[in-house]
Amino acid sequence: MHVLYVYCHPVEESFHGALRAQALEGLAIAGHSVDLLDLYAEGFDPVLSAEMRRAYHDTSRNQAGIERYVARLQAAEGLIVQFP
């Protein structure tokens, strides 16, 4: 199974970092392919601007600027989300 692992923590050596490492190891042992989406490492901007909100229901415009994240979500067969 292809798994998208969404991780959000600014400190690599944190408890959450250790949890992520164990989860990734377990997924690998189980034979899954993993796409690690580390939001801090990738500089993800979570702010929804007024213009983005106005385009929210317009499917021809609402993915502007986030196409790569949408593609990764669509490619996933499984999803794990780890936030503190």
C-alpha atoms as a PDB file:
ATOM      1  CA  MET A   1       0.000   0.000   0.000  1.00  0.00           C
ATOM      2  CA  HIS A   2       1.188   3.536  -0.750  1.00  0.00           C
ATOM      3  CA  VAL A   3       0.869   5.638   2.417  1.00  0.00           C
ATOM      4  CA  LEU A   4       1.034   9.412   2.756  1.00  0.00           C
ATOM      5  CA  TYR A   5       2.454  10.213   6.183  1.00  0.00           C
ATOM      6  CA  VAL A   6       1.715  13.836   7.126  1.00  0.00           C
ATOM      7  CA  TYR A   7       4.009  15.008   9.908  1.00  0.00           C
ATOM      8  CA  CYS A   8       3.986  18.377  11.634  1.00  0.00           C
ATOM      9  CA  HIS A   9       6.581  19.162  14.302  1.00  0.00           C
ATOM     10  CA  PRO A  10       9.452  21.655  14.212  1.00  0.00           C
ATOM     11  CA  VAL A  11      11.919  19.635  16.333  1.00  0.00           C
ATOM     12  CA  GLU A  12      13.469  16.580  14.696  1.00  0.00           C
ATOM     13  CA  GLU A  13      14.691  15.020  17.973  1.00  0.00           C
ATOM     14  CA  SER A  14      11.367  15.423  19.796  1.00  0.00           C
ATOM     15  CA  PHE A  15       9.134  12.677  21.145  1.00  0.00           C
ATOM     16  CA  HIS A  16       7.022  13.160  18.021  1.00  0.00           C
ATOM     17  CA  GLY A  17      10.135  12.644  15.913  1.00  0.00           C
ATOM     18  CA  ALA A  18      10.722   9.329  17.689  1.00  0.00           C
ATOM     19  CA  LEU A  19       7.111   8.296  17.067  1.00  0.00           C
ATOM     20  CA  ARG A  20       7.503   9.157  13.395  1.00  0.00           C
ATOM     21  CA  ALA A  21      10.705   7.102  13.127  1.00  0.00           C
ATOM     22  CA  GLN A  22       9.034   4.056  14.691  1.00  0.00           C
ATOM     23  CA  ALA A  23       5.956   4.394  12.487  1.00  0.00           C
ATOM     24  CA  LEU A  24       8.057   4.709   9.331  1.00  0.00           C
ATOM     25  CA  GLU A  25      10.108   1.678  10.342  1.00  0.00           C
ATOM     26  CA  GLY A  26       6.954  -0.356  10.962  1.00  0.00           C
ATOM     27  CA  LEU A  27       5.463   0.661   7.633  1.00  0.00           C
ATOM     28  CA  ALA A  28       8.678  -0.308   5.836  1.00  0.00           C
ATOM     29  CA  ILE A  29       8.822  -3.691   7.588  1.00  0.00           C
ATOM     30  CA  ALA A  30       5.215  -4.289   6.539  1.00  0.00           C
ATOM     31  CA  GLY A  31       6.207  -3.599   2.921  1.00  0.00           C
ATOM     32  CA  HIS A  32       4.397  -0.308   2.422  1.00  0.00           C
ATOM     33  CA  SER A  33       5.767   2.531   0.324  1.00  0.00           C
ATOM     34  CA  VAL A  34       5.677   5.846   2.177  1.00  0.00           C
ATOM     35  CA  ASP A  35       5.559   9.446   1.043  1.00  0.00           C
ATOM     36  CA  LEU A  36       6.645  11.503   4.068  1.00  0.00           C
ATOM     37  CA  LEU A  37       5.101  14.962   3.995  1.00  0.00           C
ATOM     38  CA  ASP A  38       6.960  16.911   6.693  1.00  0.00           C
ATOM     39  CA  LEU A  39       5.089  20.214   6.775  1.00  0.00           C
ATOM     40  CA  TYR A  40       7.803  22.133   8.655  1.00  0.00           C
ATOM     41  CA  ALA A  41      10.634  20.787   6.511  1.00  0.00           C
ATOM     42  CA  GLU A  42       8.726  21.685   3.341  1.00  0.00           C
ATOM     43  CA  GLY A  43       7.879  25.183   4.587  1.00  0.00           C
ATOM     44  CA  PHE A  44       4.135  24.619   4.277  1.00  0.00           C
ATOM     45  CA  ASP A  45       2.147  27.830   4.800  1.00  0.00           C
ATOM     46  CA  PRO A  46      -1.152  26.983   6.546  1.00  0.00           C
ATOM     47  CA  VAL A  47      -2.617  30.466   6.169  1.00  0.00           C
ATOM     48  CA  LEU A  48      -5.778  30.684   4.074  1.00  0.00           C
ATOM     49  CA  SER A  49      -5.815  34.087   2.404  1.00  0.00           C
ATOM     50  CA  ALA A  50      -9.007  35.999   1.660  1.00  0.00           C
ATOM     51  CA  GLU A  51      -8.542  35.330  -2.066  1.00  0.00           C
ATOM     52  CA  MET A  52      -8.033  31.606  -1.484  1.00  0.00           C
ATOM     53  CA  ARG A  53     -11.191  31.524   0.630  1.00  0.00           C
ATOM     54  CA  ARG A  54     -13.149  33.280  -2.107  1.00  0.00           C
ATOM     55  CA  ALA A  55     -11.982  30.611  -4.589  1.00  0.00           C
ATOM     56  CA  TYR A  56     -12.640  27.754  -2.157  1.00  0.00           C
ATOM     57  CA  HIS A  57     -15.803  26.458  -3.872  1.00  0.00           C
ATOM     58  CA  ASP A  58     -14.511  27.053  -7.409  1.00  0.00           C
ATOM     59  CA  THR A  59     -12.914  23.741  -8.386  1.00  0.00           C
ATOM     60  CA  SER A  60     -11.152  25.380 -11.330  1.00  0.00           C
ATOM     61  CA  ARG A  61      -9.211  27.664  -8.926  1.00  0.00           C
ATOM     62  CA  ASN A  62      -9.173  26.154  -5.445  1.00  0.00           C
ATOM     63  CA  GLN A  63      -6.008  24.091  -5.919  1.00  0.00           C
ATOM     64  CA  ALA A  64      -3.830  26.980  -7.083  1.00  0.00           C
ATOM     65  CA  GLY A  65      -0.505  26.884  -5.284  1.00  0.00           C
ATOM     66  CA  ILE A  66      -1.137  23.546  -3.591  1.00  0.00           C
ATOM     67  CA  GLU A  67      -1.202  21.245  -6.623  1.00  0.00           C
ATOM     68  CA  ARG A  68       1.709  19.147  -5.388  1.00  0.00           C
ATOM     69  CA  TYR A  69      -0.042  18.449  -2.063  1.00  0.00           C
ATOM     70  CA  VAL A  70      -3.274  17.532  -3.838  1.00  0.00           C
ATOM     71  CA  ALA A  71      -1.374  15.159  -6.135  1.00  0.00           C
ATOM     72  CA  ARG A  72       0.278  13.472  -3.165  1.00  0.00           C
ATOM     73  CA  LEU A  73      -3.070  13.037  -1.415  1.00  0.00           C
ATOM     74  CA  GLN A  74      -4.647  11.606  -4.551  1.00  0.00           C
ATOM     75  CA  ALA A  75      -1.779   9.142  -5.016  1.00  0.00           C
ATOM     76  CA  ALA A  76      -2.135   7.791  -1.475  1.00  0.00           C
ATOM     77  CA  GLU A  77      -3.966   4.587  -0.660  1.00  0.00           C
ATOM     78  CA  GLY A  78      -3.587   5.208   3.058  1.00  0.00           C
ATOM     79  CA  LEU A  79      -3.161   8.308   5.189  1.00  0.00           C
ATOM     80  CA  ILE A  80      -1.454   8.857   8.541  1.00  0.00           C
ATOM     81  CA  VAL A  81      -1.533  12.301  10.125  1.00  0.00           C
ATOM     82  CA  GLN A  82       0.714  13.094  13.093  1.00  0.00           C
ATOM     83  CA  PHE A  83       0.331  16.459  14.802  1.00  0.00           C
ATOM     84  CA  PRO A  84       1.343  17.351  18.345  1.00  0.00           C
END
